Amino acid sequence: MKKLFFLLTAIILIGACGSATQNSQHLKDRISERLEGVKGDFAVAFKNLEDTTESVYINEREMFHAASTMKTPVMIELFKQAEAGKFSLDDSIIIKNEFRSIVDSSLYRMDVGEDSEGELYSRIGEKRTIRQLINDMITVSSNLSTNILIEKVGARNVSRTMRSYGADSIKVLRGVEDIKAYQQGLSNRTTARDESIIYEKLGRGEAVSEEASEQMIEILTNQHFNEMIPAQLPGEVVVAHKTGWITGINHDAGLIILPDEQKYVLVLLSKNAPDREKVLAAFADISHYVYDFVVK
């Protein structure tokens, strides 16, 4: 009788896994079909944290310019060093606009016209807490805040922490607008796989600590740029995410939390994509496809 019970259980489990695989393949096909009409190169990573058999990966190992998605790893490193006692997030830093290139240590300055946030430039010489600068870096994607904070924690430390999480390809080399580094091909890089690992760590409360993860998720939910993953989702769905964009590149990566506390990770990356509006529309549609898949 026991043998029969275990046999039936095994059959049910195998059937369930097979069904999940088929459903995930259908979602993958639907996503691929949506991207076919958009010029560019794309990568997608989706993982249901409640049922890890439900996942989709497309070009997940391909390298992309990280753009502002690298600001989430910088935030994690700040929380990590703060928890280690190196400083408090409520310590103040003097706002400055002078940084050194990683190529030759020559000085360069940020251009307010190239930044998505300009108010901070009027505060040069004043003080702001690390916590306030983190909020600026994430929610309004302030490049000036980012450079100040990277200088505080060190880009190598950011990459080292990401490696410890299993994100083996992401590269955080420098701050923003280091033109000499850019000209030598020294840019921050990422993959859809690595982004998904980062947000899974946050979703499972394993990014630094459970308390730190909760605080970082709260910051990410205040994101001001919501044209992609959150665009077509119901208002009661929480999206903790970070976007990134430069010419030909549009990214969105995040943790989605449903009203019943189900969580899933979604990463959408693009490059060589000249029509920004088409990419935004496609990514918003894909996010909706994934949401429908999870809830139904």
C-alpha atoms as a PDB file:
ATOM      1  CA  MET A   1       0.000   0.000   0.000  1.00  0.00           C
ATOM      2  CA  LYS A   2       2.841   2.358   0.887  1.00  0.00           C
ATOM      3  CA  LYS A   3       4.553   1.596  -2.420  1.00  0.00           C
ATOM      4  CA  LEU A   4       1.363   2.430  -4.290  1.00  0.00           C
ATOM      5  CA  PHE A   5       1.036   5.719  -2.386  1.00  0.00           C
ATOM      6  CA  PHE A   6       4.605   6.769  -3.202  1.00  0.00           C
ATOM      7  CA  LEU A   7       4.176   5.729  -6.821  1.00  0.00           C
ATOM      8  CA  LEU A   8       1.035   7.832  -7.197  1.00  0.00           C
ATOM      9  CA  THR A   9       2.728  10.781  -5.484  1.00  0.00           C
ATOM     10  CA  ALA A  10       5.676  10.548  -7.855  1.00  0.00           C
ATOM     11  CA  ILE A  11       3.383  10.442 -10.875  1.00  0.00           C
ATOM     12  CA  ILE A  12       1.521  13.530  -9.658  1.00  0.00           C
ATOM     13  CA  LEU A  13       4.764  15.426  -9.059  1.00  0.00           C
ATOM     14  CA  ILE A  14       6.174  14.492 -12.443  1.00  0.00           C
ATOM     15  CA  GLY A  15       2.933  15.580 -14.092  1.00  0.00           C
ATOM     16  CA  ALA A  16       2.949  18.887 -12.242  1.00  0.00           C
ATOM     17  CA  CYS A  17       6.565  19.584 -13.228  1.00  0.00           C
ATOM     18  CA  GLY A  18       5.812  18.726 -16.833  1.00  0.00           C
ATOM     19  CA  SER A  19       2.814  21.037 -16.840  1.00  0.00           C
ATOM     20  CA  ALA A  20       4.869  23.881 -15.355  1.00  0.00           C
ATOM     21  CA  THR A  21       7.556  23.382 -17.999  1.00  0.00           C
ATOM     22  CA  GLN A  22       4.987  23.454 -20.796  1.00  0.00           C
ATOM     23  CA  ASN A  23       3.366  26.580 -19.399  1.00  0.00           C
ATOM     24  CA  SER A  24       6.745  28.318 -19.020  1.00  0.00           C
ATOM     25  CA  GLN A  25       7.605  27.410 -22.609  1.00  0.00           C
ATOM     26  CA  HIS A  26       4.325  28.916 -23.780  1.00  0.00           C
ATOM     27  CA  LEU A  27       5.165  32.140 -21.902  1.00  0.00           C
ATOM     28  CA  LYS A  28       8.666  32.142 -23.380  1.00  0.00           C
ATOM     29  CA  ASP A  29       7.245  31.741 -26.892  1.00  0.00           C
ATOM     30  CA  ARG A  30       4.807  34.574 -26.300  1.00  0.00           C
ATOM     31  CA  ILE A  31       7.587  36.873 -25.061  1.00  0.00           C
ATOM     32  CA  SER A  32       9.834  35.985 -28.019  1.00  0.00           C
ATOM     33  CA  GLU A  33       6.994  36.642 -30.447  1.00  0.00           C
ATOM     34  CA  ARG A  34       6.370  40.087 -28.910  1.00  0.00           C
ATOM     35  CA  LEU A  35      10.036  41.031 -29.306  1.00  0.00           C
ATOM     36  CA  GLU A  36      10.261  39.884 -32.928  1.00  0.00           C
ATOM     37  CA  GLY A  37       8.771  43.126 -34.207  1.00  0.00           C
ATOM     38  CA  VAL A  38      11.151  45.386 -32.291  1.00  0.00           C
ATOM     39  CA  LYS A  39      14.610  46.187 -33.614  1.00  0.00           C
ATOM     40  CA  GLY A  40      17.358  45.444 -31.106  1.00  0.00           C
ATOM     41  CA  ASP A  41      18.928  42.776 -28.947  1.00  0.00           C
ATOM     42  CA  PHE A  42      17.080  41.635 -25.832  1.00  0.00           C
ATOM     43  CA  ALA A  43      17.439  39.521 -22.712  1.00  0.00           C
ATOM     44  CA  VAL A  44      14.741  38.383 -20.307  1.00  0.00           C
ATOM     45  CA  ALA A  45      14.806  36.631 -16.946  1.00  0.00           C
ATOM     46  CA  PHE A  46      11.683  35.658 -15.032  1.00  0.00           C
ATOM     47  CA  LYS A  47      11.524  33.523 -11.899  1.00  0.00           C
ATOM     48  CA  ASN A  48       8.591  32.826  -9.620  1.00  0.00           C
ATOM     49  CA  LEU A  49      10.035  32.805  -6.101  1.00  0.00           C
ATOM     50  CA  GLU A  50       7.092  30.775  -4.810  1.00  0.00           C
ATOM     51  CA  ASP A  51       7.360  28.097  -7.487  1.00  0.00           C
ATOM     52  CA  THR A  52      10.840  28.046  -9.009  1.00  0.00           C
ATOM     53  CA  THR A  53       9.749  25.585 -11.717  1.00  0.00           C
ATOM     54  CA  GLU A  54       8.060  28.599 -13.282  1.00  0.00           C
ATOM     55  CA  SER A  55      10.827  30.501 -15.005  1.00  0.00           C
ATOM     56  CA  VAL A  56      11.820  31.929 -18.378  1.00  0.00           C
ATOM     57  CA  TYR A  57      15.320  32.832 -19.544  1.00  0.00           C
ATOM     58  CA  ILE A  58      16.163  34.394 -22.905  1.00  0.00           C
ATOM     59  CA  ASN A  59      19.779  35.392 -23.663  1.00  0.00           C
ATOM     60  CA  GLU A  60      20.270  35.548 -19.900  1.00  0.00           C
ATOM     61  CA  ARG A  61      24.060  35.287 -20.130  1.00  0.00           C
ATOM     62  CA  GLU A  62      24.521  37.960 -22.792  1.00  0.00           C
ATOM     63  CA  MET A  63      26.398  41.039 -21.583  1.00  0.00           C
ATOM     64  CA  PHE A  64      24.725  44.463 -21.662  1.00  0.00           C
ATOM     65  CA  HIS A  65      25.862  47.944 -20.687  1.00  0.00           C
ATOM     66  CA  ALA A  66      24.405  48.204 -17.187  1.00  0.00           C
ATOM     67  CA  ALA A  67      23.349  51.868 -17.437  1.00  0.00           C
ATOM     68  CA  SER A  68      21.612  52.833 -14.176  1.00  0.00           C
ATOM     69  CA  THR A  69      20.732  49.274 -13.171  1.00  0.00           C
ATOM     70  CA  MET A  70      24.170  49.193 -11.504  1.00  0.00           C
ATOM     71  CA  LYS A  71      22.827  51.568  -8.861  1.00  0.00           C
ATOM     72  CA  THR A  72      21.034  48.708  -7.093  1.00  0.00           C
ATOM     73  CA  PRO A  73      24.302  46.816  -6.419  1.00  0.00           C
ATOM     74  CA  VAL A  74      25.812  50.091  -5.175  1.00  0.00           C
ATOM     75  CA  MET A  75      22.897  50.476  -2.757  1.00  0.00           C
ATOM     76  CA  ILE A  76      23.374  46.906  -1.515  1.00  0.00           C
ATOM     77  CA  GLU A  77      27.063  47.548  -0.859  1.00  0.00           C
ATOM     78  CA  LEU A  78      26.206  50.691   1.099  1.00  0.00           C
ATOM     79  CA  PHE A  79      23.819  48.749   3.326  1.00  0.00           C
ATOM     80  CA  LYS A  80      26.397  45.995   3.710  1.00  0.00           C
ATOM     81  CA  GLN A  81      29.165  48.329   4.825  1.00  0.00           C
ATOM     82  CA  ALA A  82      26.786  50.192   7.124  1.00  0.00           C
ATOM     83  CA  GLU A  83      25.721  46.934   8.772  1.00  0.00           C
ATOM     84  CA  ALA A  84      29.423  46.053   9.196  1.00  0.00           C
ATOM     85  CA  GLY A  85      29.830  49.271  11.183  1.00  0.00           C
ATOM     86  CA  LYS A  86      31.982  51.185   8.716  1.00  0.00           C
ATOM     87  CA  PHE A  87      29.551  54.100   8.817  1.00  0.00           C
ATOM     88  CA  SER A  88      25.909  54.910   9.501  1.00  0.00           C
ATOM     89  CA  LEU A  89      23.440  55.547   6.715  1.00  0.00           C
ATOM     90  CA  ASP A  90      22.525  58.676   8.635  1.00  0.00           C
ATOM     91  CA  ASP A  91      26.080  60.038   8.445  1.00  0.00           C
ATOM     92  CA  SER A  92      26.431  63.112   6.253  1.00  0.00           C
ATOM     93  CA  ILE A  93      28.569  63.579   3.141  1.00  0.00           C
ATOM     94  CA  ILE A  94      29.549  66.884   1.561  1.00  0.00           C
ATOM     95  CA  ILE A  95      28.044  67.162  -1.911  1.00  0.00           C
ATOM     96  CA  LYS A  96      30.731  67.718  -4.520  1.00  0.00           C
ATOM     97  CA  ASN A  97      31.031  67.558  -8.282  1.00  0.00           C
ATOM     98  CA  GLU A  98      34.598  66.486  -8.836  1.00  0.00           C
ATOM     99  CA  PHE A  99      35.690  62.897  -9.423  1.00  0.00           C
ATOM    100  CA  ARG A 100      38.723  60.982 -10.653  1.00  0.00           C
ATOM    101  CA  SER A 101      38.838  58.834 -13.783  1.00  0.00           C
ATOM    102  CA  ILE A 102      39.692  55.177 -13.228  1.00  0.00           C
ATOM    103  CA  VAL A 103      42.056  55.455 -16.222  1.00  0.00           C
ATOM    104  CA  ASP A 104      44.584  58.017 -14.963  1.00  0.00           C
ATOM    105  CA  SER A 105      43.047  59.655 -11.869  1.00  0.00           C
ATOM    106  CA  SER A 106      42.462  62.877 -13.804  1.00  0.00           C
ATOM    107  CA  LEU A 107      39.585  65.023 -12.548  1.00  0.00           C
ATOM    108  CA  TYR A 108      36.247  65.285 -14.290  1.00  0.00           C
ATOM    109  CA  ARG A 109      32.923  66.907 -13.462  1.00  0.00           C
ATOM    110  CA  MET A 110      29.331  65.830 -14.017  1.00  0.00           C
ATOM    111  CA  ASP A 111      27.097  67.693 -16.475  1.00  0.00           C
ATOM    112  CA  VAL A 112      23.717  68.582 -14.969  1.00  0.00           C
ATOM    113  CA  GLY A 113      22.251  68.460 -18.485  1.00  0.00           C
ATOM    114  CA  GLU A 114      23.089  64.747 -18.686  1.00  0.00           C
ATOM    115  CA  ASP A 115      21.541  63.896 -15.326  1.00  0.00           C
ATOM    116  CA  SER A 116      17.934  62.894 -14.644  1.00  0.00           C
ATOM    117  CA  GLU A 117      18.013  64.929 -11.424  1.00  0.00           C
ATOM    118  CA  GLY A 118      19.306  68.482 -11.178  1.00  0.00           C
ATOM    119  CA  GLU A 119      18.402  69.821  -7.734  1.00  0.00           C
ATOM    120  CA  LEU A 120      21.478  68.302  -6.108  1.00  0.00           C
ATOM    121  CA  TYR A 121      23.795  70.401  -8.282  1.00  0.00           C
ATOM    122  CA  SER A 122      22.501  73.533  -6.559  1.00  0.00           C
ATOM    123  CA  ARG A 123      23.578  72.029  -3.228  1.00  0.00           C
ATOM    124  CA  ILE A 124      27.301  71.684  -3.950  1.00  0.00           C
ATOM    125  CA  GLY A 125      29.234  72.232  -0.728  1.00  0.00           C
ATOM    126  CA  GLU A 126      26.260  71.356   1.471  1.00  0.00           C
ATOM    127  CA  LYS A 127      25.761  68.123   3.388  1.00  0.00           C
ATOM    128  CA  ARG A 128      23.311  65.305   2.753  1.00  0.00           C
ATOM    129  CA  THR A 129      22.962  62.003   4.567  1.00  0.00           C
ATOM    130  CA  ILE A 130      23.998  58.772   2.882  1.00  0.00           C
ATOM    131  CA  ARG A 131      20.397  57.602   3.197  1.00  0.00           C
ATOM    132  CA  GLN A 132      19.138  60.687   1.340  1.00  0.00           C
ATOM    133  CA  LEU A 133      21.731  60.191  -1.397  1.00  0.00           C
ATOM    134  CA  ILE A 134      20.678  56.538  -1.769  1.00  0.00           C
ATOM    135  CA  ASN A 135      17.079  57.649  -2.255  1.00  0.00           C
ATOM    136  CA  ASP A 136      18.190  60.163  -4.885  1.00  0.00           C
ATOM    137  CA  MET A 137      20.314  57.531  -6.635  1.00  0.00           C
ATOM    138  CA  ILE A 138      17.499  54.987  -6.834  1.00  0.00           C
ATOM    139  CA  THR A 139      14.208  56.858  -7.060  1.00  0.00           C
ATOM    140  CA  VAL A 140      15.209  59.651  -9.449  1.00  0.00           C
ATOM    141  CA  SER A 141      18.388  57.957 -10.729  1.00  0.00           C
ATOM    142  CA  SER A 142      20.694  60.811  -9.726  1.00  0.00           C
ATOM    143  CA  ASN A 143      24.088  60.338 -11.356  1.00  0.00           C
ATOM    144  CA  LEU A 144      25.722  62.854  -9.052  1.00  0.00           C
ATOM    145  CA  SER A 145      24.524  60.931  -5.987  1.00  0.00           C
ATOM    146  CA  THR A 146      25.769  57.723  -7.579  1.00  0.00           C
ATOM    147  CA  ASN A 147      29.301  58.983  -8.091  1.00  0.00           C
ATOM    148  CA  ILE A 148      29.510  60.317  -4.560  1.00  0.00           C
ATOM    149  CA  LEU A 149      28.322  56.979  -3.177  1.00  0.00           C
ATOM    150  CA  ILE A 150      30.555  54.804  -5.375  1.00  0.00           C
ATOM    151  CA  GLU A 151      33.504  56.823  -4.144  1.00  0.00           C
ATOM    152  CA  LYS A 152      32.326  56.101  -0.588  1.00  0.00           C
ATOM    153  CA  VAL A 153      32.156  52.295  -0.883  1.00  0.00           C
ATOM    154  CA  GLY A 154      34.498  51.511  -3.777  1.00  0.00           C
ATOM    155  CA  ALA A 155      33.429  49.972  -7.098  1.00  0.00           C
ATOM    156  CA  ARG A 156      35.576  46.860  -6.532  1.00  0.00           C
ATOM    157  CA  ASN A 157      33.770  46.165  -3.285  1.00  0.00           C
ATOM    158  CA  VAL A 158      30.431  46.361  -5.097  1.00  0.00           C
ATOM    159  CA  SER A 159      31.550  43.778  -7.664  1.00  0.00           C
ATOM    160  CA  ARG A 160      33.032  41.568  -4.948  1.00  0.00           C
ATOM    161  CA  THR A 161      29.733  41.481  -3.065  1.00  0.00           C
ATOM    162  CA  MET A 162      27.853  40.621  -6.255  1.00  0.00           C
ATOM    163  CA  ARG A 163      30.264  37.714  -6.832  1.00  0.00           C
ATOM    164  CA  SER A 164      29.523  36.443  -3.338  1.00  0.00           C
ATOM    165  CA  TYR A 165      25.842  36.336  -4.319  1.00  0.00           C
ATOM    166  CA  GLY A 166      26.609  34.213  -7.376  1.00  0.00           C
ATOM    167  CA  ALA A 167      26.283  37.073  -9.863  1.00  0.00           C
ATOM    168  CA  ASP A 168      29.473  36.140 -11.687  1.00  0.00           C
ATOM    169  CA  SER A 169      29.298  38.437 -14.727  1.00  0.00           C
ATOM    170  CA  ILE A 170      28.162  41.822 -13.469  1.00  0.00           C
ATOM    171  CA  LYS A 171      30.915  44.450 -13.528  1.00  0.00           C
ATOM    172  CA  VAL A 172      30.735  47.684 -11.558  1.00  0.00           C
ATOM    173  CA  LEU A 173      33.930  49.449 -12.601  1.00  0.00           C
ATOM    174  CA  ARG A 174      33.252  53.142 -12.265  1.00  0.00           C
ATOM    175  CA  GLY A 175      30.936  56.059 -11.750  1.00  0.00           C
ATOM    176  CA  VAL A 176      28.975  57.896 -14.418  1.00  0.00           C
ATOM    177  CA  GLU A 177      30.475  60.149 -17.132  1.00  0.00           C
ATOM    178  CA  ASP A 178      34.039  58.913 -16.809  1.00  0.00           C
ATOM    179  CA  ILE A 179      34.617  59.626 -20.505  1.00  0.00           C
ATOM    180  CA  LYS A 180      38.233  58.433 -20.572  1.00  0.00           C
ATOM    181  CA  ALA A 181      37.151  55.077 -19.194  1.00  0.00           C
ATOM    182  CA  TYR A 182      34.262  54.892 -21.653  1.00  0.00           C
ATOM    183  CA  GLN A 183      36.615  55.570 -24.579  1.00  0.00           C
ATOM    184  CA  GLN A 184      38.753  52.635 -23.466  1.00  0.00           C
ATOM    185  CA  GLY A 185      35.755  50.324 -23.230  1.00  0.00           C
ATOM    186  CA  LEU A 186      35.716  50.358 -19.438  1.00  0.00           C
ATOM    187  CA  SER A 187      31.988  50.428 -18.727  1.00  0.00           C
ATOM    188  CA  ASN A 188      29.694  48.865 -16.152  1.00  0.00           C
ATOM    189  CA  ARG A 189      28.186  45.630 -17.458  1.00  0.00           C
ATOM    190  CA  THR A 190      25.422  43.248 -16.464  1.00  0.00           C
ATOM    191  CA  THR A 191      23.391  40.241 -17.587  1.00  0.00           C
ATOM    192  CA  ALA A 192      19.746  39.330 -17.110  1.00  0.00           C
ATOM    193  CA  ARG A 193      20.838  36.326 -15.062  1.00  0.00           C
ATOM    194  CA  ASP A 194      22.881  38.431 -12.652  1.00  0.00           C
ATOM    195  CA  GLU A 195      20.123  41.004 -12.271  1.00  0.00           C
ATOM    196  CA  SER A 196      17.672  38.233 -11.435  1.00  0.00           C
ATOM    197  CA  ILE A 197      20.030  36.902  -8.749  1.00  0.00           C
ATOM    198  CA  ILE A 198      20.258  40.344  -7.135  1.00  0.00           C
ATOM    199  CA  TYR A 199      16.488  40.790  -6.946  1.00  0.00           C
ATOM    200  CA  GLU A 200      15.939  37.235  -5.769  1.00  0.00           C
ATOM    201  CA  LYS A 201      18.324  37.956  -2.882  1.00  0.00           C
ATOM    202  CA  LEU A 202      16.241  41.009  -2.016  1.00  0.00           C
ATOM    203  CA  GLY A 203      12.990  39.086  -2.325  1.00  0.00           C
ATOM    204  CA  ARG A 204      14.196  36.330  -0.029  1.00  0.00           C
ATOM    205  CA  GLY A 205      15.548  38.785   2.553  1.00  0.00           C
ATOM    206  CA  GLU A 206      19.122  37.678   1.870  1.00  0.00           C
ATOM    207  CA  ALA A 207      20.602  40.922   0.516  1.00  0.00           C
ATOM    208  CA  VAL A 208      22.793  41.860   3.520  1.00  0.00           C
ATOM    209  CA  SER A 209      20.030  40.923   6.011  1.00  0.00           C
ATOM    210  CA  GLU A 210      16.272  40.602   6.172  1.00  0.00           C
ATOM    211  CA  GLU A 211      15.917  44.087   7.671  1.00  0.00           C
ATOM    212  CA  ALA A 212      18.257  45.642   5.123  1.00  0.00           C
ATOM    213  CA  SER A 213      16.447  43.852   2.298  1.00  0.00           C
ATOM    214  CA  GLU A 214      13.113  45.251   3.473  1.00  0.00           C
ATOM    215  CA  GLN A 215      14.522  48.785   3.632  1.00  0.00           C
ATOM    216  CA  MET A 216      16.017  48.503   0.145  1.00  0.00           C
ATOM    217  CA  ILE A 217      12.788  47.104  -1.276  1.00  0.00           C
ATOM    218  CA  GLU A 218      10.949  50.099   0.199  1.00  0.00           C
ATOM    219  CA  ILE A 219      13.357  52.477  -1.556  1.00  0.00           C
ATOM    220  CA  LEU A 220      12.992  50.639  -4.866  1.00  0.00           C
ATOM    221  CA  THR A 221       9.182  50.830  -4.674  1.00  0.00           C
ATOM    222  CA  ASN A 222       9.462  54.636  -4.762  1.00  0.00           C
ATOM    223  CA  GLN A 223      10.965  54.535  -8.259  1.00  0.00           C
ATOM    224  CA  HIS A 224       9.816  57.545 -10.332  1.00  0.00           C
ATOM    225  CA  PHE A 225      10.271  55.928 -13.764  1.00  0.00           C
ATOM    226  CA  ASN A 226       7.517  53.399 -14.317  1.00  0.00           C
ATOM    227  CA  GLU A 227       7.060  53.075 -18.087  1.00  0.00           C
ATOM    228  CA  MET A 228       8.107  49.431 -18.309  1.00  0.00           C
ATOM    229  CA  ILE A 229       7.509  46.703 -15.681  1.00  0.00           C
ATOM    230  CA  PRO A 230       4.801  48.526 -13.667  1.00  0.00           C
ATOM    231  CA  ALA A 231       3.071  50.246 -16.602  1.00  0.00           C
ATOM    232  CA  GLN A 232       0.224  47.772 -17.140  1.00  0.00           C
ATOM    233  CA  LEU A 233       0.058  46.139 -13.718  1.00  0.00           C
ATOM    234  CA  PRO A 234      -2.820  46.712 -11.264  1.00  0.00           C
ATOM    235  CA  GLY A 235      -2.269  49.467  -8.710  1.00  0.00           C
ATOM    236  CA  GLU A 236      -2.264  47.053  -5.771  1.00  0.00           C
ATOM    237  CA  VAL A 237       0.812  45.245  -7.145  1.00  0.00           C
ATOM    238  CA  VAL A 238       4.083  46.396  -5.564  1.00  0.00           C
ATOM    239  CA  VAL A 239       7.032  46.787  -7.935  1.00  0.00           C
ATOM    240  CA  ALA A 240      10.473  47.304  -6.395  1.00  0.00           C
ATOM    241  CA  HIS A 241      12.632  48.031  -9.420  1.00  0.00           C
ATOM    242  CA  LYS A 242      15.409  50.027 -11.036  1.00  0.00           C
ATOM    243  CA  THR A 243      15.465  51.244 -14.615  1.00  0.00           C
ATOM    244  CA  GLY A 244      18.389  52.254 -16.764  1.00  0.00           C
ATOM    245  CA  TRP A 245      18.665  53.956 -20.112  1.00  0.00           C
ATOM    246  CA  ILE A 246      21.186  55.532 -22.452  1.00  0.00           C
ATOM    247  CA  THR A 247      21.096  55.822 -26.236  1.00  0.00           C
ATOM    248  CA  GLY A 248      19.842  52.561 -27.718  1.00  0.00           C
ATOM    249  CA  ILE A 249      19.546  50.951 -24.288  1.00  0.00           C
ATOM    250  CA  ASN A 250      16.521  50.563 -22.023  1.00  0.00           C
ATOM    251  CA  HIS A 251      16.443  48.260 -18.999  1.00  0.00           C
ATOM    252  CA  ASP A 252      14.108  47.462 -16.141  1.00  0.00           C
ATOM    253  CA  ALA A 253      14.766  44.926 -13.398  1.00  0.00           C
ATOM    254  CA  GLY A 254      12.820  44.291 -10.260  1.00  0.00           C
ATOM    255  CA  LEU A 255      10.936  42.325  -7.670  1.00  0.00           C
ATOM    256  CA  ILE A 256       7.153  42.141  -8.053  1.00  0.00           C
ATOM    257  CA  ILE A 257       5.036  41.515  -4.955  1.00  0.00           C
ATOM    258  CA  LEU A 258       1.395  40.540  -5.382  1.00  0.00           C
ATOM    259  CA  PRO A 259      -1.366  41.333  -2.847  1.00  0.00           C
ATOM    260  CA  ASP A 260      -1.262  37.724  -1.588  1.00  0.00           C
ATOM    261  CA  GLU A 261       2.512  38.151  -0.941  1.00  0.00           C
ATOM    262  CA  GLN A 262       3.543  36.029  -3.923  1.00  0.00           C
ATOM    263  CA  LYS A 263       6.827  37.312  -5.324  1.00  0.00           C
ATOM    264  CA  TYR A 264       8.537  37.004  -8.656  1.00  0.00           C
ATOM    265  CA  VAL A 265      11.574  38.522 -10.318  1.00  0.00           C
ATOM    266  CA  LEU A 266      11.505  40.048 -13.793  1.00  0.00           C
ATOM    267  CA  VAL A 267      14.448  41.462 -15.749  1.00  0.00           C
ATOM    268  CA  LEU A 268      14.118  43.119 -19.165  1.00  0.00           C
ATOM    269  CA  LEU A 269      17.268  44.311 -20.947  1.00  0.00           C
ATOM    270  CA  SER A 270      17.777  45.847 -24.394  1.00  0.00           C
ATOM    271  CA  LYS A 271      20.588  47.192 -26.576  1.00  0.00           C
ATOM    272  CA  ASN A 272      21.021  48.326 -30.174  1.00  0.00           C
ATOM    273  CA  ALA A 273      17.374  49.352 -30.001  1.00  0.00           C
ATOM    274  CA  PRO A 274      16.901  52.782 -31.616  1.00  0.00           C
ATOM    275  CA  ASP A 275      13.154  53.161 -31.041  1.00  0.00           C
ATOM    276  CA  ARG A 276      12.770  53.762 -27.299  1.00  0.00           C
ATOM    277  CA  GLU A 277       8.979  53.972 -27.415  1.00  0.00           C
ATOM    278  CA  LYS A 278       8.666  50.580 -29.083  1.00  0.00           C
ATOM    279  CA  VAL A 279      10.934  49.012 -26.472  1.00  0.00           C
ATOM    280  CA  LEU A 280       8.951  50.569 -23.619  1.00  0.00           C
ATOM    281  CA  ALA A 281       5.678  49.323 -25.097  1.00  0.00           C
ATOM    282  CA  ALA A 282       7.051  45.805 -25.662  1.00  0.00           C
ATOM    283  CA  PHE A 283       8.490  45.574 -22.160  1.00  0.00           C
ATOM    284  CA  ALA A 284       5.224  46.794 -20.627  1.00  0.00           C
ATOM    285  CA  ASP A 285       3.355  44.120 -22.588  1.00  0.00           C
ATOM    286  CA  ILE A 286       5.809  41.404 -21.525  1.00  0.00           C
ATOM    287  CA  SER A 287       5.469  42.413 -17.897  1.00  0.00           C
ATOM    288  CA  HIS A 288       1.710  42.037 -18.248  1.00  0.00           C
ATOM    289  CA  TYR A 289       2.135  38.604 -19.848  1.00  0.00           C
ATOM    290  CA  VAL A 290       4.249  37.485 -16.893  1.00  0.00           C
ATOM    291  CA  TYR A 291       1.795  38.893 -14.354  1.00  0.00           C
ATOM    292  CA  ASP A 292      -1.103  37.040 -16.054  1.00  0.00           C
ATOM    293  CA  PHE A 293       0.967  33.856 -16.064  1.00  0.00           C
ATOM    294  CA  VAL A 294       1.682  34.064 -12.347  1.00  0.00           C
ATOM    295  CA  VAL A 295      -1.830  34.959 -11.182  1.00  0.00           C
ATOM    296  CA  LYS A 296      -3.645  32.489 -13.452  1.00  0.00           C
END
